Structure formats: C-alpha cells, structure tokens
Amino acid sequence: MNAFDRQVSQTPLIEKTRRFFIDRKGIGFFKAILESYEDVAIFSVLDGKSGLIELIYPRYFETDVLAIVHDMINYDIVIKEAPDDE
C-alpha cells in the first residue's frame, strides 16, 4: 500500500444531502449535466410537480456540486434550496 492509498482509505466518505426546487422544464437537462460528471452526486426527483429534487454527494465534492447548481442560471434554469422541512 503506497502513501496515496493510505490517505484515501483514511478519508471519511461522509455524505451530504441537499434538496432543491428546480424549474420542472429543467429537471431532465440538469440530471443529464450532473450525470456527465460521473459519480459526483446521486440525483433523485422527490416531487416532479413541484420540482423538488434531492442531491446526495460526498462532502469533498460539495464545491463541484454547488458550482454545477449555480451554473444552471446560465441556461435559464432556476434552482433554489428547499427549506429543511420539505
């Protein structure tokens, strides 16, 4: 086992879950973009009518995931974080 393998095996894979509301018309596009990043996050539609989605991802991908979410504004897709009680 080399130093890199030891470092990776000691890094906790703590997941984070966040929920967002997204324009319904943009759900498929956002899912395709997110999936193109392979294994960055798990995407689930919780309520298609309201556009409620859930993203589950390792904490070390949080910067990447949030950058993808914020970039959707460039495609006229509005994504807003859902309150914790949703």
N, C-alpha and C. Protein backbone atom coordinates (compact mmCIF):
# COMPACT_ATOMS: atom_id res chain seq x y z
N MET A 1 0.85 -1.18 0.00
CA MET A 1 0.00 0.00 0.00
C MET A 1 0.90 1.23 0.00
N ASN A 2 0.70 2.12 -0.98
CA ASN A 2 1.50 3.33 -1.04
C ASN A 2 0.85 4.46 -0.22
N ALA A 3 1.50 5.59 -0.14
CA ALA A 3 1.03 6.71 0.68
C ALA A 3 -0.34 7.22 0.22
N PHE A 4 -0.54 7.24 -1.10
CA PHE A 4 -1.82 7.71 -1.63
C PHE A 4 -2.96 6.78 -1.17
N ASP A 5 -2.74 5.48 -1.28
CA ASP A 5 -3.77 4.51 -0.87
C ASP A 5 -4.10 4.66 0.61
N ARG A 6 -3.09 4.87 1.43
CA ARG A 6 -3.34 5.06 2.87
C ARG A 6 -4.15 6.32 3.11
N GLN A 7 -3.82 7.40 2.39
CA GLN A 7 -4.53 8.66 2.57
C GLN A 7 -6.00 8.51 2.15
N VAL A 8 -6.25 7.88 1.01
CA VAL A 8 -7.62 7.70 0.52
C VAL A 8 -8.40 6.82 1.48
N SER A 9 -7.80 5.74 1.97
CA SER A 9 -8.52 4.84 2.86
C SER A 9 -8.83 5.49 4.20
N GLN A 10 -8.11 6.52 4.58
CA GLN A 10 -8.34 7.20 5.85
C GLN A 10 -9.29 8.39 5.71
N THR A 11 -9.64 8.77 4.48
CA THR A 11 -10.53 9.89 4.25
C THR A 11 -11.97 9.41 4.44
N PRO A 12 -12.70 10.00 5.39
CA PRO A 12 -14.08 9.56 5.61
C PRO A 12 -14.97 9.96 4.43
N LEU A 13 -15.82 9.05 4.01
CA LEU A 13 -16.75 9.32 2.91
C LEU A 13 -18.08 9.77 3.49
N ILE A 14 -18.08 10.92 4.08
CA ILE A 14 -19.28 11.46 4.70
C ILE A 14 -20.13 12.09 3.61
N GLU A 15 -21.36 11.63 3.52
CA GLU A 15 -22.27 12.13 2.51
C GLU A 15 -23.04 13.33 3.02
N LYS A 16 -23.45 14.15 2.08
CA LYS A 16 -24.28 15.30 2.38
C LYS A 16 -25.51 15.20 1.50
N THR A 17 -26.65 15.56 2.05
CA THR A 17 -27.90 15.56 1.31
C THR A 17 -28.46 16.97 1.29
N ARG A 18 -28.81 17.43 0.10
CA ARG A 18 -29.43 18.74 -0.04
C ARG A 18 -30.61 18.61 -0.98
N ARG A 19 -31.63 19.38 -0.68
CA ARG A 19 -32.83 19.39 -1.52
C ARG A 19 -32.99 20.76 -2.15
N PHE A 20 -33.47 20.75 -3.38
CA PHE A 20 -33.64 21.97 -4.15
C PHE A 20 -34.97 21.94 -4.89
N PHE A 21 -35.48 23.12 -5.19
CA PHE A 21 -36.58 23.28 -6.12
C PHE A 21 -35.98 23.75 -7.44
N ILE A 22 -36.40 23.12 -8.52
CA ILE A 22 -35.89 23.44 -9.84
C ILE A 22 -37.08 23.60 -10.78
N ASP A 23 -36.94 24.49 -11.76
CA ASP A 23 -37.98 24.61 -12.78
C ASP A 23 -38.22 23.23 -13.38
N ARG A 24 -39.47 22.82 -13.47
CA ARG A 24 -39.79 21.48 -13.99
C ARG A 24 -39.19 21.25 -15.37
N LYS A 25 -39.18 22.27 -16.20
CA LYS A 25 -38.66 22.11 -17.56
C LYS A 25 -37.16 21.82 -17.58
N GLY A 26 -36.48 22.10 -16.49
CA GLY A 26 -35.04 21.92 -16.45
C GLY A 26 -34.56 20.66 -15.76
N ILE A 27 -35.50 19.84 -15.25
CA ILE A 27 -35.09 18.66 -14.48
C ILE A 27 -34.26 17.70 -15.33
N GLY A 28 -34.72 17.37 -16.51
CA GLY A 28 -34.00 16.43 -17.38
C GLY A 28 -32.63 16.94 -17.78
N PHE A 29 -32.56 18.22 -18.13
CA PHE A 29 -31.28 18.81 -18.53
C PHE A 29 -30.30 18.80 -17.37
N PHE A 30 -30.76 19.20 -16.19
CA PHE A 30 -29.89 19.23 -15.02
C PHE A 30 -29.39 17.83 -14.70
N LYS A 31 -30.29 16.84 -14.77
CA LYS A 31 -29.90 15.46 -14.50
C LYS A 31 -28.83 15.00 -15.48
N ALA A 32 -29.00 15.32 -16.76
CA ALA A 32 -28.01 14.93 -17.77
C ALA A 32 -26.66 15.58 -17.52
N ILE A 33 -26.66 16.85 -17.16
CA ILE A 33 -25.41 17.56 -16.87
C ILE A 33 -24.73 16.93 -15.66
N LEU A 34 -25.49 16.71 -14.61
CA LEU A 34 -24.93 16.13 -13.38
C LEU A 34 -24.37 14.73 -13.65
N GLU A 35 -25.09 13.92 -14.41
CA GLU A 35 -24.61 12.57 -14.71
C GLU A 35 -23.36 12.58 -15.59
N SER A 36 -23.17 13.62 -16.36
CA SER A 36 -21.97 13.69 -17.21
C SER A 36 -20.70 13.82 -16.37
N TYR A 37 -20.84 14.23 -15.12
CA TYR A 37 -19.69 14.33 -14.22
C TYR A 37 -19.37 13.01 -13.53
N GLU A 38 -20.12 11.97 -13.79
CA GLU A 38 -19.89 10.62 -13.28
C GLU A 38 -19.53 10.54 -11.80
N ASP A 39 -20.43 10.06 -11.03
CA ASP A 39 -20.24 9.75 -9.61
C ASP A 39 -20.00 10.96 -8.72
N VAL A 40 -20.40 12.14 -9.17
CA VAL A 40 -20.27 13.32 -8.31
C VAL A 40 -21.42 13.37 -7.31
N ALA A 41 -22.63 13.02 -7.77
CA ALA A 41 -23.80 13.08 -6.90
C ALA A 41 -24.86 12.11 -7.37
N ILE A 42 -25.72 11.71 -6.44
CA ILE A 42 -26.90 10.93 -6.76
C ILE A 42 -28.06 11.89 -6.84
N PHE A 43 -28.79 11.83 -7.93
CA PHE A 43 -29.89 12.74 -8.21
C PHE A 43 -31.21 11.98 -8.09
N SER A 44 -32.16 12.54 -7.33
CA SER A 44 -33.49 11.94 -7.21
C SER A 44 -34.54 13.03 -7.33
N VAL A 45 -35.60 12.72 -8.06
CA VAL A 45 -36.76 13.62 -8.11
C VAL A 45 -37.71 13.16 -7.01
N LEU A 46 -37.96 14.04 -6.06
CA LEU A 46 -38.85 13.71 -4.95
C LEU A 46 -40.30 14.07 -5.26
N ASP A 47 -40.48 15.17 -6.00
CA ASP A 47 -41.82 15.60 -6.40
C ASP A 47 -41.70 16.32 -7.74
N GLY A 48 -42.07 15.63 -8.79
CA GLY A 48 -41.94 16.20 -10.13
C GLY A 48 -42.84 17.40 -10.37
N LYS A 49 -44.01 17.42 -9.74
CA LYS A 49 -44.94 18.54 -9.94
C LYS A 49 -44.38 19.85 -9.39
N SER A 50 -43.77 19.77 -8.21
CA SER A 50 -43.24 20.99 -7.60
C SER A 50 -41.78 21.23 -7.98
N GLY A 51 -41.14 20.22 -8.59
CA GLY A 51 -39.74 20.35 -8.97
C GLY A 51 -38.78 20.10 -7.81
N LEU A 52 -39.22 19.38 -6.80
CA LEU A 52 -38.36 19.10 -5.64
C LEU A 52 -37.42 17.95 -5.98
N ILE A 53 -36.13 18.21 -5.89
CA ILE A 53 -35.11 17.20 -6.16
C ILE A 53 -34.20 17.06 -4.95
N GLU A 54 -33.48 15.96 -4.91
CA GLU A 54 -32.53 15.71 -3.83
C GLU A 54 -31.20 15.31 -4.43
N LEU A 55 -30.13 15.86 -3.89
CA LEU A 55 -28.78 15.50 -4.30
C LEU A 55 -28.06 14.92 -3.09
N ILE A 56 -27.46 13.77 -3.27
CA ILE A 56 -26.64 13.14 -2.22
C ILE A 56 -25.24 13.01 -2.80
N TYR A 57 -24.25 13.52 -2.07
CA TYR A 57 -22.89 13.54 -2.59
C TYR A 57 -21.89 13.50 -1.45
N PRO A 58 -20.67 13.03 -1.74
CA PRO A 58 -19.62 13.09 -0.73
C PRO A 58 -19.27 14.55 -0.45
N ARG A 59 -18.99 14.84 0.79
CA ARG A 59 -18.68 16.24 1.16
C ARG A 59 -17.53 16.83 0.35
N TYR A 60 -16.58 15.99 -0.04
CA TYR A 60 -15.44 16.55 -0.77
C TYR A 60 -15.81 16.96 -2.19
N PHE A 61 -17.03 16.66 -2.66
CA PHE A 61 -17.50 17.14 -3.96
C PHE A 61 -18.43 18.33 -3.81
N GLU A 62 -18.60 18.86 -2.61
CA GLU A 62 -19.57 19.92 -2.40
C GLU A 62 -19.31 21.15 -3.28
N THR A 63 -18.07 21.57 -3.39
CA THR A 63 -17.75 22.72 -4.23
C THR A 63 -18.15 22.47 -5.67
N ASP A 64 -17.87 21.28 -6.17
CA ASP A 64 -18.21 20.93 -7.55
C ASP A 64 -19.73 20.90 -7.75
N VAL A 65 -20.43 20.26 -6.84
CA VAL A 65 -21.88 20.14 -6.95
C VAL A 65 -22.53 21.52 -6.93
N LEU A 66 -22.12 22.36 -6.01
CA LEU A 66 -22.71 23.70 -5.92
C LEU A 66 -22.37 24.56 -7.13
N ALA A 67 -21.20 24.36 -7.71
CA ALA A 67 -20.84 25.09 -8.93
C ALA A 67 -21.75 24.67 -10.08
N ILE A 68 -22.04 23.39 -10.18
CA ILE A 68 -22.95 22.90 -11.22
C ILE A 68 -24.34 23.47 -11.00
N VAL A 69 -24.82 23.46 -9.76
CA VAL A 69 -26.14 24.02 -9.44
C VAL A 69 -26.20 25.49 -9.82
N HIS A 70 -25.20 26.26 -9.43
CA HIS A 70 -25.20 27.70 -9.71
C HIS A 70 -25.02 27.98 -11.21
N ASP A 71 -24.37 27.11 -11.93
CA ASP A 71 -24.17 27.31 -13.36
C ASP A 71 -25.47 27.17 -14.15
N MET A 72 -26.47 26.53 -13.58
CA MET A 72 -27.73 26.34 -14.31
C MET A 72 -28.40 27.66 -14.64
N ILE A 73 -28.11 28.72 -13.90
CA ILE A 73 -28.68 30.03 -14.21
C ILE A 73 -28.28 30.48 -15.61
N ASN A 74 -27.12 30.03 -16.08
CA ASN A 74 -26.68 30.38 -17.44
C ASN A 74 -27.54 29.73 -18.52
N TYR A 75 -28.34 28.74 -18.12
CA TYR A 75 -29.24 28.05 -19.05
C TYR A 75 -30.70 28.38 -18.74
N ASP A 76 -30.91 29.47 -18.02
CA ASP A 76 -32.25 29.93 -17.63
C ASP A 76 -33.01 28.90 -16.80
N ILE A 77 -32.28 28.13 -16.01
CA ILE A 77 -32.89 27.16 -15.10
C ILE A 77 -32.64 27.65 -13.68
N VAL A 78 -33.72 27.97 -13.00
CA VAL A 78 -33.62 28.49 -11.64
C VAL A 78 -33.68 27.33 -10.65
N ILE A 79 -32.69 27.28 -9.77
CA ILE A 79 -32.65 26.27 -8.72
C ILE A 79 -32.51 26.99 -7.39
N LYS A 80 -33.42 26.68 -6.47
CA LYS A 80 -33.38 27.28 -5.13
C LYS A 80 -33.36 26.18 -4.09
N GLU A 81 -32.58 26.38 -3.05
CA GLU A 81 -32.51 25.38 -1.99
C GLU A 81 -33.85 25.31 -1.25
N ALA A 82 -34.28 24.08 -1.00
CA ALA A 82 -35.54 23.86 -0.28
C ALA A 82 -35.31 24.03 1.21
N PRO A 83 -36.28 24.54 1.92
CA PRO A 83 -36.17 24.61 3.39
C PRO A 83 -36.00 23.21 3.97
N ASP A 84 -35.41 23.12 5.13
CA ASP A 84 -35.15 21.82 5.76
C ASP A 84 -36.41 21.01 6.03
N ASP A 85 -37.55 21.67 6.17
CA ASP A 85 -38.78 20.94 6.49
C ASP A 85 -39.50 20.37 5.28
N GLU A 86 -38.93 20.52 4.09
CA GLU A 86 -39.54 19.98 2.87
C GLU A 86 -39.32 18.50 2.77
